[in-house]
C-alpha atoms as a PDB file:
ATOM      1  CA  UNK A   1      24.717  62.715 -13.716  1.00  0.00           C
ATOM      2  CA  UNK A   2      21.090  61.844 -13.662  1.00  0.00           C
ATOM      3  CA  UNK A   3      18.307  63.979 -12.286  1.00  0.00           C
ATOM      4  CA  UNK A   4      18.027  61.619  -9.301  1.00  0.00           C
ATOM      5  CA  UNK A   5      21.735  62.074  -8.534  1.00  0.00           C
ATOM      6  CA  UNK A   6      21.339  65.852  -8.729  1.00  0.00           C
ATOM      7  CA  UNK A   7      18.375  65.777  -6.342  1.00  0.00           C
ATOM      8  CA  UNK A   8      20.286  63.584  -3.906  1.00  0.00           C
ATOM      9  CA  UNK A   9      23.229  65.983  -3.969  1.00  0.00           C
ATOM     10  CA  UNK A  10      20.920  68.971  -3.401  1.00  0.00           C
ATOM     11  CA  UNK A  11      19.262  67.237  -0.432  1.00  0.00           C
ATOM     12  CA  UNK A  12      22.633  66.367   1.058  1.00  0.00           C
ATOM     13  CA  UNK A  13      23.892  69.944   0.665  1.00  0.00           C
ATOM     14  CA  UNK A  14      20.686  71.357   2.105  1.00  0.00           C
ATOM     15  CA  UNK A  15      20.892  69.072   5.133  1.00  0.00           C
ATOM     16  CA  UNK A  16      24.514  70.086   5.655  1.00  0.00           C
ATOM     17  CA  UNK A  17      23.531  73.759   5.431  1.00  0.00           C
ATOM     18  CA  UNK A  18      20.763  73.282   8.009  1.00  0.00           C
ATOM     19  CA  UNK A  19      23.201  71.573  10.393  1.00  0.00           C
ATOM     20  CA  UNK A  20      25.763  74.357   9.901  1.00  0.00           C
ATOM     21  CA  UNK A  21      23.190  77.061  10.624  1.00  0.00           C
ATOM     22  CA  UNK A  22      22.063  75.227  13.762  1.00  0.00           C
ATOM     23  CA  UNK A  23      25.679  74.989  14.981  1.00  0.00           C
ATOM     24  CA  UNK A  24      26.196  78.680  14.226  1.00  0.00           C
ATOM     25  CA  UNK A  25      23.060  79.629  16.173  1.00  0.00           C
ATOM     26  CA  UNK A  26      24.261  77.557  19.137  1.00  0.00           C
ATOM     27  CA  UNK A  27      27.713  79.174  19.027  1.00  0.00           C
ATOM     28  CA  UNK A  28      26.213  82.661  18.937  1.00  0.00           C
ATOM     29  CA  UNK A  29      23.881  81.852  21.830  1.00  0.00           C
ATOM     30  CA  UNK A  30      26.823  80.550  23.883  1.00  0.00           C
ATOM     31  CA  UNK A  31      29.108  83.493  23.167  1.00  0.00           C
ATOM     32  CA  UNK A  32      26.672  86.346  23.780  1.00  0.00           C
ATOM     33  CA  UNK A  33      23.781  85.226  25.979  1.00  0.00           C
ATOM     34  CA  UNK A  34      23.116  88.782  27.170  1.00  0.00           C
ATOM     35  CA  UNK A  35      23.538  91.059  24.187  1.00  0.00           C
ATOM     36  CA  UNK A  36      22.795  94.717  24.914  1.00  0.00           C
ATOM     37  CA  UNK A  37      19.229  95.662  24.004  1.00  0.00           C
ATOM     38  CA  UNK A  38      19.805  99.429  23.779  1.00  0.00           C
ATOM     39  CA  UNK A  39      22.566 101.418  22.082  1.00  0.00           C
ATOM     40  CA  UNK A  40      25.463 102.591  24.229  1.00  0.00           C
ATOM     41  CA  UNK A  41      24.927 106.353  24.793  1.00  0.00           C
ATOM     42  CA  UNK A  42      28.690 106.927  24.845  1.00  0.00           C
ATOM     43  CA  UNK A  43      28.934 105.686  21.248  1.00  0.00           C
ATOM     44  CA  UNK A  44      26.008 107.725  19.906  1.00  0.00           C
ATOM     45  CA  UNK A  45      26.668 110.817  17.792  1.00  0.00           C
ATOM     46  CA  UNK A  46      24.237 113.716  17.694  1.00  0.00           C
ATOM     47  CA  UNK A  47      23.468 115.009  14.200  1.00  0.00           C
ATOM     48  CA  UNK A  48      22.225 118.592  14.154  1.00  0.00           C
ATOM     49  CA  UNK A  49      18.921 119.457  12.454  1.00  0.00           C
ATOM     50  CA  UNK A  50      20.340 122.625  10.928  1.00  0.00           C
ATOM     51  CA  UNK A  51      20.925 122.536   7.158  1.00  0.00           C
ATOM     52  CA  UNK A  52      24.446 122.079   5.836  1.00  0.00           C
ATOM     53  CA  UNK A  53      26.269 125.049   4.395  1.00  0.00           C
ATOM     54  CA  UNK A  54      25.575 124.862   0.642  1.00  0.00           C
ATOM     55  CA  UNK A  55      29.118 126.048  -0.147  1.00  0.00           C
ATOM     56  CA  UNK A  56      30.325 122.637   1.007  1.00  0.00           C
ATOM     57  CA  UNK A  57      28.851 121.177  -2.173  1.00  0.00           C
ATOM     58  CA  UNK A  58      30.226 123.729  -4.637  1.00  0.00           C
ATOM     59  CA  UNK A  59      32.194 122.125  -7.481  1.00  0.00           C
ATOM     60  CA  UNK A  60      31.173 118.601  -6.563  1.00  0.00           C
ATOM     61  CA  UNK A  61      29.955 115.929  -8.923  1.00  0.00           C
ATOM     62  CA  UNK A  62      26.778 113.969  -8.349  1.00  0.00           C
ATOM     63  CA  UNK A  63      28.011 110.546  -7.350  1.00  0.00           C
ATOM     64  CA  UNK A  64      27.264 108.037 -10.046  1.00  0.00           C
ATOM     65  CA  UNK A  65      25.967 110.689 -12.444  1.00  0.00           C
ATOM     66  CA  UNK A  66      29.254 112.254 -13.496  1.00  0.00           C
ATOM     67  CA  UNK A  67      30.229 115.862 -13.844  1.00  0.00           C
ATOM     68  CA  UNK A  68      27.521 118.480 -14.416  1.00  0.00           C
ATOM     69  CA  UNK A  69      29.172 120.063 -17.455  1.00  0.00           C
ATOM     70  CA  UNK A  70      29.790 116.785 -19.332  1.00  0.00           C
ATOM     71  CA  UNK A  71      27.455 114.330 -21.039  1.00  0.00           C
ATOM     72  CA  UNK A  72      27.467 110.575 -20.752  1.00  0.00           C
ATOM     73  CA  UNK A  73      29.088 108.758 -23.659  1.00  0.00           C
END
C-alpha cells in the first residue's frame, strides 16, 4: 500500500468513527432526555469520620508490595 492509500483509509475510518459517535449521541439523547442531576439519597451510603480499628489491618500485606517479612526477588 502506498502512503496515499493509507491516508485515504485513515480518513475513511475517521469519518466512520465520527458518524458512529454522532449516532451514539443521538441514541443517548433519545433514551434518557431527563437524566437525574442529583444523586438518589436512598442509594447514598454514609461513611463515618471515625478512624478504622487498626486491628483490622493486622497481618495484612500491602497490596502490590508483597509481604512485609519478605523481599522482592
